[in-house]
Protein backbone atom coordinates (compact mmCIF):
# COMPACT_ATOMS: atom_id res chain seq x y z
CA MET A 1 23.63 -6.43 -63.59
CA LYS A 2 20.55 -7.64 -61.72
CA ASP A 3 18.09 -6.49 -64.12
CA ILE A 4 19.98 -8.27 -66.92
CA ARG A 5 20.24 -11.28 -64.96
CA ARG A 6 16.49 -11.03 -64.44
CA PHE A 7 15.81 -10.57 -68.11
CA ILE A 8 17.93 -13.71 -69.05
CA ARG A 9 16.00 -15.56 -66.85
CA GLU A 10 12.42 -14.43 -67.83
CA THR A 11 13.83 -14.93 -71.58
CA LEU A 12 14.78 -18.63 -70.89
CA ASN A 13 11.63 -18.84 -68.49
CA GLU A 14 14.21 -20.13 -65.97
CA PHE A 15 14.09 -18.39 -62.65
CA VAL A 16 15.65 -20.87 -60.51
CA THR A 17 18.38 -22.51 -62.24
CA PRO A 18 19.81 -25.92 -61.85
CA ARG A 19 22.95 -24.31 -60.00
CA ASP A 20 20.38 -22.22 -57.51
CA LEU A 21 18.68 -25.75 -56.75
CA LYS A 22 22.11 -27.42 -56.35
CA GLY A 23 22.84 -24.70 -53.55
CA VAL A 24 19.47 -25.65 -51.93
CA GLU A 25 20.21 -29.15 -51.89
CA ASP A 26 23.64 -28.69 -50.32
CA TYR A 27 22.06 -26.47 -47.63
CA ALA A 28 19.53 -28.76 -47.00
CA ASP A 29 22.10 -31.76 -47.00
CA ASP A 30 24.05 -29.82 -44.20
CA ILE A 31 21.31 -29.02 -41.85
CA PHE A 32 19.57 -32.72 -42.05
CA LYS A 33 23.04 -34.63 -42.13
CA ASP A 34 22.98 -34.77 -38.26
CA VAL A 35 19.71 -36.91 -38.69
CA ASN A 36 21.33 -38.98 -41.36
CA ILE A 37 18.91 -37.74 -44.35
CA ASP A 38 20.18 -36.86 -47.69
CA VAL A 39 17.94 -34.23 -49.59
CA GLU A 40 17.39 -34.70 -53.30
CA PHE A 41 15.24 -33.05 -55.77
CA THR A 42 13.62 -34.46 -59.12
CA ARG A 43 13.85 -32.98 -62.67
CA HIS A 44 10.27 -32.37 -62.22
CA PHE A 45 10.84 -30.34 -58.96
CA LEU A 46 12.98 -27.99 -61.13
CA ASP A 47 10.43 -27.74 -63.96
CA ARG A 48 7.64 -26.94 -61.25
CA VAL A 49 9.68 -24.42 -59.29
CA ASN A 50 9.65 -22.21 -62.41
CA ASP A 51 6.15 -22.65 -63.21
CA PRO A 52 3.94 -19.48 -63.59
CA ARG A 53 1.05 -21.29 -62.09
CA ASN A 54 2.85 -20.20 -58.72
CA GLY A 55 1.93 -16.83 -59.11
CA GLU A 56 4.83 -15.05 -57.29
CA GLU A 57 7.83 -16.86 -58.05
CA ILE A 58 9.54 -19.35 -55.75
CA THR A 59 13.06 -18.40 -54.62
CA PRO A 60 16.01 -20.17 -53.51
CA GLU A 61 16.05 -18.30 -50.09
CA GLU A 62 12.32 -19.46 -49.58
CA LEU A 63 13.14 -23.08 -50.15
CA LYS A 64 16.38 -22.93 -47.99
CA TRP A 65 14.01 -21.21 -45.11
CA LEU A 66 11.38 -23.90 -45.63
CA TYR A 67 13.79 -26.67 -45.16
CA LYS A 68 15.38 -25.10 -42.06
CA LYS A 69 11.87 -24.75 -40.45
CA ALA A 70 11.41 -28.70 -41.46
CA ARG A 71 14.55 -29.56 -39.91
CA THR A 72 14.05 -27.74 -36.93
CA LYS A 73 10.34 -29.11 -36.29
CA TYR A 74 10.15 -32.33 -38.03
CA GLY A 75 13.99 -33.47 -38.65
CA GLU A 76 13.99 -36.30 -36.06
CA MET A 77 10.63 -37.54 -37.00
CA LEU A 78 11.54 -37.77 -40.66
CA SER A 79 14.67 -39.75 -39.98
CA GLN A 80 12.32 -42.51 -38.19
CA LEU A 81 10.02 -42.92 -41.37
CA LYS A 82 10.55 -46.08 -43.33
CA PRO A 83 11.19 -45.85 -47.11
CA GLY A 84 8.22 -45.55 -48.96
CA ASN A 85 6.72 -42.97 -46.59
CA GLU A 86 5.52 -39.80 -48.07
CA ARG A 87 4.75 -36.23 -46.57
CA VAL A 88 3.87 -32.84 -47.89
CA VAL A 89 6.06 -30.10 -46.01
CA ASN A 90 4.04 -26.97 -45.91
CA ASP A 91 5.20 -23.65 -45.41
CA THR A 92 2.33 -21.62 -43.80
CA THR A 93 3.72 -18.19 -44.30
CA THR A 94 4.67 -18.48 -47.83
CA ASP A 95 2.03 -21.37 -48.85
CA ILE A 96 4.89 -23.37 -50.46
CA ASN A 97 4.15 -27.06 -50.57
CA VAL A 98 6.71 -29.79 -51.24
CA PRO A 99 5.55 -33.58 -51.24
CA VAL A 100 8.50 -35.53 -50.33
CA ALA A 101 9.22 -39.26 -50.74
CA ILE A 102 11.11 -41.13 -48.23
CA GLY A 103 13.44 -43.81 -49.77
CA TRP A 104 16.92 -45.40 -49.57
CA ASP A 105 19.14 -46.01 -52.32
CA GLY A 106 21.31 -48.45 -50.84
CA LYS A 107 24.72 -46.48 -51.74
CA SER A 108 24.85 -44.86 -48.18
CA PRO A 109 23.34 -45.57 -44.97
CA ASP A 110 21.27 -42.33 -45.27
CA LEU A 111 17.67 -41.96 -46.03
CA ASP A 112 16.81 -40.28 -49.12
CA MET A 113 14.27 -37.47 -48.91
CA THR A 114 13.40 -36.83 -52.28
CA ALA A 115 11.37 -33.59 -53.16
CA LYS A 116 9.29 -34.66 -56.01
CA THR A 117 7.63 -31.28 -56.85
CA VAL A 118 6.88 -27.75 -55.57
CA MET A 119 3.96 -25.37 -55.64
CA ARG A 120 2.95 -22.18 -54.16
CA LYS A 121 -0.75 -22.82 -53.21
CA LYS A 122 -3.16 -21.88 -50.37
CA ASN A 123 -5.38 -24.63 -48.94
CA PHE A 124 -3.15 -27.23 -50.69
CA LEU A 125 -5.09 -30.93 -49.89
CA THR A 126 -3.24 -34.14 -49.07
CA THR A 127 -3.94 -37.66 -48.39
CA PRO A 128 -3.95 -39.73 -45.34
CA GLN A 129 -1.00 -41.53 -46.91
CA SER A 130 0.63 -38.28 -47.18
CA PRO A 131 0.18 -36.18 -44.15
CA LYS A 132 0.92 -32.59 -44.37
CA LEU A 133 3.85 -31.10 -42.12
CA LYS A 134 3.07 -27.45 -41.19
CA VAL A 135 6.20 -25.38 -40.81
């Protein structure tokens, strides 16, 4: 069954499905809720997570681990950022980089932390306006 599922995903060029990403989002929302942060993903994030340029595929488990480490190390700091701020969460173990934007949608009191894209890349460069948060 596992081989069939992998074959279907490879044929469709879709390793992480929207359903998988929803599971990651729900997990991240749960661990960030105590600091009033709502985690969201863009459509581009889903496209990029499945991009062959990542080399080794990025898994939902790796993304959950990245968010868990980010919450532990930077959760309080992220909750203090003002809308418009951007950061890059960098997992030094897996070389996964997730640029995030802090915003507020006005629908809830929680800040939105929107993951704009994702890539597996060593030595990912950032700008001073988007500092790297190493986890």
